Amino acid sequence: MMRPDAQVQKVYLYPKPVDFRKSINGLAALAELDIKVEIFNPVLFVFLNRTRSQVKILYWGVSRTLA
């Protein structure tokens, strides 16, 4: 879970629909390969499903865990 006092520099919206069966590691790989941003930076990665009715947000926390 993301802390309410988390410092986020930017928010990146992934431009293509994502299969939500992907794990956190799969989404992290998409963020690094397609967006070309280190997942360790204090940023949010936002992913949408095909119908744009669901959202998944990826954030690398202070404890070095994906949320």
C-alpha atoms as a PDB file:
ATOM      1  CA  MET A   1       0.000   0.000   0.000  1.00  0.00           C
ATOM      2  CA  MET A   2       1.222   3.487  -0.833  1.00  0.00           C
ATOM      3  CA  ARG A   3       1.861   5.828   2.069  1.00  0.00           C
ATOM      4  CA  PRO A   4      -0.157   9.071   2.061  1.00  0.00           C
ATOM      5  CA  ASP A   5       3.003  11.144   2.566  1.00  0.00           C
ATOM      6  CA  ALA A   6       4.831   9.579  -0.399  1.00  0.00           C
ATOM      7  CA  GLN A   7       6.746  12.028  -2.553  1.00  0.00           C
ATOM      8  CA  VAL A   8       5.823  11.469  -6.205  1.00  0.00           C
ATOM      9  CA  GLN A   9       7.678  13.453  -8.883  1.00  0.00           C
ATOM     10  CA  LYS A  10       5.708  12.385 -11.967  1.00  0.00           C
ATOM     11  CA  VAL A  11       2.795  10.246 -13.111  1.00  0.00           C
ATOM     12  CA  TYR A  12       3.188   8.182 -16.293  1.00  0.00           C
ATOM     13  CA  LEU A  13       0.109   6.885 -18.087  1.00  0.00           C
ATOM     14  CA  TYR A  14       0.879   3.761 -20.112  1.00  0.00           C
ATOM     15  CA  PRO A  15      -0.423   4.506 -23.644  1.00  0.00           C
ATOM     16  CA  LYS A  16      -1.655   1.005 -24.571  1.00  0.00           C
ATOM     17  CA  PRO A  17      -4.288  -1.241 -22.958  1.00  0.00           C
ATOM     18  CA  VAL A  18      -2.791  -3.814 -20.600  1.00  0.00           C
ATOM     19  CA  ASP A  19      -3.848  -7.391 -19.898  1.00  0.00           C
ATOM     20  CA  PHE A  20      -4.640  -7.220 -16.188  1.00  0.00           C
ATOM     21  CA  ARG A  21      -3.634 -10.834 -15.681  1.00  0.00           C
ATOM     22  CA  LYS A  22      -0.049  -9.546 -15.693  1.00  0.00           C
ATOM     23  CA  SER A  23       1.680  -9.610 -12.338  1.00  0.00           C
ATOM     24  CA  ILE A  24       3.365  -6.658 -10.681  1.00  0.00           C
ATOM     25  CA  ASN A  25       6.662  -7.813 -12.206  1.00  0.00           C
ATOM     26  CA  GLY A  26       5.109  -7.845 -15.691  1.00  0.00           C
ATOM     27  CA  LEU A  27       3.838  -4.297 -15.256  1.00  0.00           C
ATOM     28  CA  ALA A  28       7.247  -3.203 -13.958  1.00  0.00           C
ATOM     29  CA  ALA A  29       8.882  -4.676 -17.068  1.00  0.00           C
ATOM     30  CA  LEU A  30       6.443  -2.751 -19.286  1.00  0.00           C
ATOM     31  CA  ALA A  31       7.234   0.451 -17.417  1.00  0.00           C
ATOM     32  CA  GLU A  32      10.982   0.028 -17.822  1.00  0.00           C
ATOM     33  CA  LEU A  33      10.966  -1.181 -21.434  1.00  0.00           C
ATOM     34  CA  ASP A  34       8.241   0.918 -23.032  1.00  0.00           C
ATOM     35  CA  ILE A  35       8.177   4.079 -20.941  1.00  0.00           C
ATOM     36  CA  LYS A  36      11.970   3.926 -20.459  1.00  0.00           C
ATOM     37  CA  VAL A  37      11.905   5.178 -16.895  1.00  0.00           C
ATOM     38  CA  GLU A  38      13.619   3.475 -13.988  1.00  0.00           C
ATOM     39  CA  ILE A  39      10.976   1.977 -11.729  1.00  0.00           C
ATOM     40  CA  PHE A  40      13.104   2.964  -8.721  1.00  0.00           C
ATOM     41  CA  ASN A  41      12.383   6.677  -9.293  1.00  0.00           C
ATOM     42  CA  PRO A  42       9.640   8.234  -7.113  1.00  0.00           C
ATOM     43  CA  VAL A  43       7.007   8.115  -9.858  1.00  0.00           C
ATOM     44  CA  LEU A  44       3.632   6.458 -10.445  1.00  0.00           C
ATOM     45  CA  PHE A  45       2.900   4.251 -13.440  1.00  0.00           C
ATOM     46  CA  VAL A  46      -0.780   4.061 -14.379  1.00  0.00           C
ATOM     47  CA  PHE A  47      -2.092   1.161 -16.486  1.00  0.00           C
ATOM     48  CA  LEU A  48      -5.609   0.780 -17.947  1.00  0.00           C
ATOM     49  CA  ASN A  49      -7.430  -2.277 -19.238  1.00  0.00           C
ATOM     50  CA  ARG A  50      -8.770  -2.557 -22.797  1.00  0.00           C
ATOM     51  CA  THR A  51     -12.148  -1.011 -21.994  1.00  0.00           C
ATOM     52  CA  ARG A  52     -10.557   1.647 -19.765  1.00  0.00           C
ATOM     53  CA  SER A  53     -12.851   0.645 -16.920  1.00  0.00           C
ATOM     54  CA  GLN A  54     -10.117  -0.508 -14.504  1.00  0.00           C
ATOM     55  CA  VAL A  55      -6.849   1.001 -13.331  1.00  0.00           C
ATOM     56  CA  LYS A  56      -3.672  -0.481 -11.847  1.00  0.00           C
ATOM     57  CA  ILE A  57      -1.064   1.841 -10.373  1.00  0.00           C
ATOM     58  CA  LEU A  58       2.549   0.826  -9.853  1.00  0.00           C
ATOM     59  CA  TYR A  59       4.689   2.612  -7.259  1.00  0.00           C
ATOM     60  CA  TRP A  60       8.121   1.679  -5.938  1.00  0.00           C
ATOM     61  CA  GLY A  61       7.993   2.397  -2.215  1.00  0.00           C
ATOM     62  CA  VAL A  62      10.625   3.418   0.282  1.00  0.00           C
ATOM     63  CA  SER A  63      10.899  -0.156   1.516  1.00  0.00           C
ATOM     64  CA  ARG A  64      11.867  -1.143  -2.057  1.00  0.00           C
ATOM     65  CA  THR A  65       8.657  -3.028  -2.664  1.00  0.00           C
ATOM     66  CA  LEU A  66       6.216  -2.656  -5.505  1.00  0.00           C
ATOM     67  CA  ALA A  67       2.732  -1.534  -4.537  1.00  0.00           C
END
